[in-house]
């Protein structure tokens, strides 16, 4: 018993006095791997140049978009005309003759106008015999107020001596209304007399009525 106690007592070699494992097992792959410093995957160790490259790409995309024409500046063809004044509007109606004229009142800030515009351009391309007039509400507020435009986008239909045929507000979800109006009014006919335009309404009057901003119709 005494020998057993002495063997486990102070005379036994301690863990601290033993040689390092690298000397006992110089060829062990585990020992070689354990010597490599551990690299922790922290946020500081990640490359920092990637967000900058993404930011540069985003800036280039915005610049490329700003270089082109705005959505309201695009036209479908020669039968789509921008109107910038009351006199231009009256002249266009008188020069249209017997053609069906569709007038769109829009706002550059109007989301419904922007959503509807591509489909309106396709409709203009499908009907080259129809004249489409675009009127910016903010540039022609007095005229729009006299024409009772309160909601955007808003549409007027004119034809020859019949003058104004109908008017209504329309969104992309209700675009079928425009198609139905075209089918109703764009038929073969021959009216007697010069184009009536807006009728007896005087748009060139020098008056400044109290104006309220137009509202965008729901999409």
Protein backbone atom coordinates (compact mmCIF):
# COMPACT_ATOMS: atom_id res chain seq x y z
CA UNK A 1 0.00 0.00 0.00
CA UNK A 2 2.85 2.38 0.86
CA UNK A 3 4.41 1.91 -2.58
CA UNK A 4 1.10 2.67 -4.19
CA UNK A 5 0.71 5.89 -2.18
CA UNK A 6 4.26 6.98 -2.99
CA UNK A 7 3.66 6.35 -6.68
CA UNK A 8 0.68 8.71 -6.72
CA UNK A 9 2.22 11.24 -4.33
CA UNK A 10 4.70 14.09 -4.75
CA UNK A 11 7.32 11.86 -6.36
CA UNK A 12 5.11 11.19 -9.39
CA UNK A 13 5.83 13.42 -12.45
CA UNK A 14 3.38 16.33 -12.69
CA UNK A 15 1.61 17.57 -15.87
CA UNK A 16 3.59 20.81 -15.76
CA UNK A 17 6.93 18.97 -15.76
CA UNK A 18 6.05 16.85 -18.80
CA UNK A 19 7.55 17.85 -22.19
CA UNK A 20 5.30 19.61 -24.70
CA UNK A 21 3.22 17.48 -27.03
CA UNK A 22 5.12 18.80 -30.04
CA UNK A 23 8.26 17.05 -28.78
CA UNK A 24 6.49 13.82 -27.99
CA UNK A 25 4.63 13.71 -31.32
CA UNK A 26 6.63 15.82 -33.77
CA UNK A 27 4.83 14.37 -36.84
CA UNK A 28 1.28 14.58 -35.56
CA UNK A 29 -0.95 16.61 -37.94
CA UNK A 30 -3.18 17.64 -35.03
CA UNK A 31 -0.25 19.29 -33.31
CA UNK A 32 0.72 21.15 -36.49
CA UNK A 33 -2.80 22.42 -37.03
CA UNK A 34 -3.14 23.50 -33.43
CA UNK A 35 -0.17 25.81 -33.82
CA UNK A 36 -1.90 27.92 -36.47
CA UNK A 37 -3.40 31.15 -35.11
CA UNK A 38 -7.18 31.19 -35.02
CA UNK A 39 -8.81 33.91 -37.12
CA UNK A 40 -12.25 34.94 -35.97
CA UNK A 41 -14.80 35.94 -38.61
CA UNK A 42 -15.63 39.35 -37.31
CA UNK A 43 -17.08 42.36 -39.07
CA UNK A 44 -13.64 44.01 -38.97
CA UNK A 45 -12.09 41.11 -40.89
CA UNK A 46 -14.58 41.40 -43.79
CA UNK A 47 -13.61 43.48 -46.84
CA UNK A 48 -14.86 47.02 -46.66
CA UNK A 49 -14.63 47.96 -50.35
CA UNK A 50 -17.76 46.09 -51.45
CA UNK A 51 -20.33 48.58 -50.09
CA UNK A 52 -18.43 51.39 -51.80
CA UNK A 53 -18.57 49.60 -55.12
CA UNK A 54 -22.31 49.03 -54.71
CA UNK A 55 -22.77 52.69 -53.85
CA UNK A 56 -20.92 53.72 -57.01
CA UNK A 57 -23.12 51.42 -59.09
CA UNK A 58 -26.27 52.92 -57.60
CA UNK A 59 -25.07 56.44 -58.32
CA UNK A 60 -24.31 55.55 -61.93
CA UNK A 61 -27.80 54.04 -62.33
CA UNK A 62 -29.47 57.18 -61.02
CA UNK A 63 -27.39 59.41 -63.27
CA UNK A 64 -28.22 57.28 -66.32
CA UNK A 65 -31.93 57.53 -65.50
CA UNK A 66 -31.76 61.29 -65.05
CA UNK A 67 -29.99 61.76 -68.38
CA UNK A 68 -33.00 60.48 -70.37
CA UNK A 69 -36.35 62.20 -70.92
CA UNK A 70 -38.85 62.27 -68.08
CA UNK A 71 -41.82 59.95 -68.34
CA UNK A 72 -44.21 62.79 -69.26
CA UNK A 73 -41.83 64.02 -71.99
CA UNK A 74 -42.08 60.81 -74.01
CA UNK A 75 -44.54 60.70 -76.89
CA UNK A 76 -45.94 57.72 -78.77
CA UNK A 77 -45.64 59.32 -82.20
CA UNK A 78 -46.74 62.25 -84.37
CA UNK A 79 -50.36 61.92 -83.22
CA UNK A 80 -49.43 62.71 -79.57
CA UNK A 81 -48.72 66.40 -78.94
CA UNK A 82 -47.73 68.38 -75.85
CA UNK A 83 -49.83 71.50 -75.25
CA UNK A 84 -48.11 74.37 -73.43
CA UNK A 85 -50.67 77.18 -73.61
CA UNK A 86 -54.36 77.90 -74.00
CA UNK A 87 -53.88 79.20 -77.52
CA UNK A 88 -52.06 76.02 -78.55
CA UNK A 89 -54.95 73.98 -77.20
CA UNK A 90 -57.57 75.99 -79.12
CA UNK A 91 -55.53 75.86 -82.33
CA UNK A 92 -55.04 72.10 -82.07
CA UNK A 93 -58.80 71.54 -81.69
CA UNK A 94 -59.60 73.73 -84.69
CA UNK A 95 -56.94 72.09 -86.87
CA UNK A 96 -58.05 68.56 -86.00
CA UNK A 97 -61.04 68.78 -88.33
CA UNK A 98 -63.14 65.60 -88.12
CA UNK A 99 -60.53 63.63 -86.20
CA UNK A 100 -61.34 62.38 -82.74
CA UNK A 101 -59.28 64.32 -80.18
CA UNK A 102 -58.45 62.85 -76.77
CA UNK A 103 -57.07 65.33 -74.24
CA UNK A 104 -55.22 64.05 -71.19
CA UNK A 105 -54.74 66.37 -68.22
CA UNK A 106 -51.88 65.11 -66.06
CA UNK A 107 -49.47 66.10 -63.31
CA UNK A 108 -45.79 65.26 -63.19
CA UNK A 109 -46.22 64.39 -59.48
CA UNK A 110 -49.31 62.20 -60.08
CA UNK A 111 -48.60 58.50 -59.57
CA UNK A 112 -51.81 57.45 -61.32
CA UNK A 113 -50.84 59.53 -64.37
CA UNK A 114 -47.45 57.87 -64.55
CA UNK A 115 -48.91 54.36 -64.18
CA UNK A 116 -51.46 54.96 -66.94
CA UNK A 117 -49.16 56.74 -69.40
CA UNK A 118 -47.45 53.68 -71.04
CA UNK A 119 -50.82 52.16 -71.86
CA UNK A 120 -52.03 55.47 -73.26
CA UNK A 121 -48.97 55.57 -75.53
CA UNK A 122 -49.73 52.06 -76.82
CA UNK A 123 -53.30 53.12 -77.50
CA UNK A 124 -52.05 56.12 -79.49
CA UNK A 125 -49.85 53.83 -81.57
CA UNK A 126 -52.80 51.54 -82.23
CA UNK A 127 -54.96 54.48 -83.37
CA UNK A 128 -52.83 56.79 -85.56
CA UNK A 129 -56.03 58.46 -86.81
CA UNK A 130 -56.81 59.84 -83.32
CA UNK A 131 -55.11 62.99 -82.06
CA UNK A 132 -53.87 62.82 -78.45
CA UNK A 133 -53.17 66.10 -76.63
CA UNK A 134 -51.25 66.17 -73.34
CA UNK A 135 -51.78 69.11 -70.98
CA UNK A 136 -49.66 69.62 -67.88
CA UNK A 137 -51.99 70.76 -65.10
CA UNK A 138 -49.35 72.76 -63.24
CA UNK A 139 -48.33 74.68 -66.38
CA UNK A 140 -51.94 75.50 -67.37
CA UNK A 141 -53.86 75.88 -64.12
CA UNK A 142 -56.22 78.72 -65.20
CA UNK A 143 -57.30 76.82 -68.30
CA UNK A 144 -57.69 73.54 -66.40
CA UNK A 145 -59.85 75.24 -63.78
CA UNK A 146 -62.16 76.71 -66.42
CA UNK A 147 -62.44 73.25 -67.98
CA UNK A 148 -63.49 71.91 -64.56
CA UNK A 149 -60.49 69.61 -64.15
CA UNK A 150 -60.42 68.61 -60.48
CA UNK A 151 -58.94 65.10 -60.52
CA UNK A 152 -55.93 63.69 -62.38
CA UNK A 153 -55.60 62.03 -64.77
CA UNK A 154 -58.61 63.56 -66.52
CA UNK A 155 -59.75 63.08 -70.13
CA UNK A 156 -61.77 65.14 -72.61
CA UNK A 157 -63.07 63.82 -75.94
CA UNK A 158 -63.70 66.24 -78.83
CA UNK A 159 -64.68 65.76 -82.43
CA UNK A 160 -65.38 68.26 -85.20
CA UNK A 161 -68.62 70.23 -85.10
CA UNK A 162 -69.88 68.07 -82.23
CA UNK A 163 -67.41 69.73 -79.90
CA UNK A 164 -66.90 68.06 -76.55
CA UNK A 165 -68.35 64.56 -76.48
CA UNK A 166 -67.63 63.49 -72.92
CA UNK A 167 -65.16 63.85 -70.06
CA UNK A 168 -64.20 61.68 -67.12
CA UNK A 169 -61.37 60.78 -64.77
CA UNK A 170 -59.64 57.47 -65.35
CA UNK A 171 -56.93 55.38 -63.74
CA UNK A 172 -54.99 52.37 -65.02
CA UNK A 173 -57.46 49.98 -63.38
CA UNK A 174 -60.33 51.65 -65.28
CA UNK A 175 -58.58 52.07 -68.63
CA UNK A 176 -61.41 50.13 -70.25
CA UNK A 177 -63.44 53.37 -70.07
CA UNK A 178 -61.07 54.98 -72.58
CA UNK A 179 -61.30 51.99 -74.93
CA UNK A 180 -65.09 52.06 -74.78
CA UNK A 181 -65.17 55.81 -75.45
CA UNK A 182 -62.90 55.34 -78.47
CA UNK A 183 -65.14 52.59 -79.83
CA UNK A 184 -68.18 54.85 -79.39
CA UNK A 185 -66.81 58.09 -80.84
CA UNK A 186 -64.20 56.99 -83.39
CA UNK A 187 -66.74 55.92 -86.02
CA UNK A 188 -67.17 57.02 -89.62
CA UNK A 189 -69.21 60.21 -89.65
CA UNK A 190 -69.45 63.53 -91.41
CA UNK A 191 -70.57 66.48 -89.32
CA UNK A 192 -71.75 69.75 -90.81
CA UNK A 193 -69.93 72.91 -89.84
CA UNK A 194 -66.51 73.83 -88.52
CA UNK A 195 -65.02 72.19 -85.43
CA UNK A 196 -66.83 73.42 -82.35
CA UNK A 197 -63.87 72.96 -80.00
CA UNK A 198 -64.81 73.93 -76.46
CA UNK A 199 -67.96 75.73 -77.56
CA UNK A 200 -68.85 79.07 -75.99
CA UNK A 201 -66.42 78.72 -73.09
CA UNK A 202 -63.89 81.56 -73.10
CA UNK A 203 -60.51 80.21 -72.03
CA UNK A 204 -58.58 83.37 -72.90
CA UNK A 205 -60.31 85.45 -70.25
CA UNK A 206 -57.85 87.36 -68.04
CA UNK A 207 -59.14 86.20 -64.70
CA UNK A 208 -57.38 84.57 -61.78
CA UNK A 209 -59.86 82.41 -59.89
CA UNK A 210 -58.84 81.03 -56.52
CA UNK A 211 -57.19 77.75 -57.35
CA UNK A 212 -57.09 74.48 -55.48
CA UNK A 213 -54.55 71.78 -56.26
CA UNK A 214 -55.80 68.89 -58.32
CA UNK A 215 -56.04 65.46 -56.71
CA UNK A 216 -54.69 62.20 -58.08
CA UNK A 217 -57.32 59.58 -58.74
CA UNK A 218 -56.82 56.17 -57.07
CA UNK A 219 -55.00 53.66 -59.23
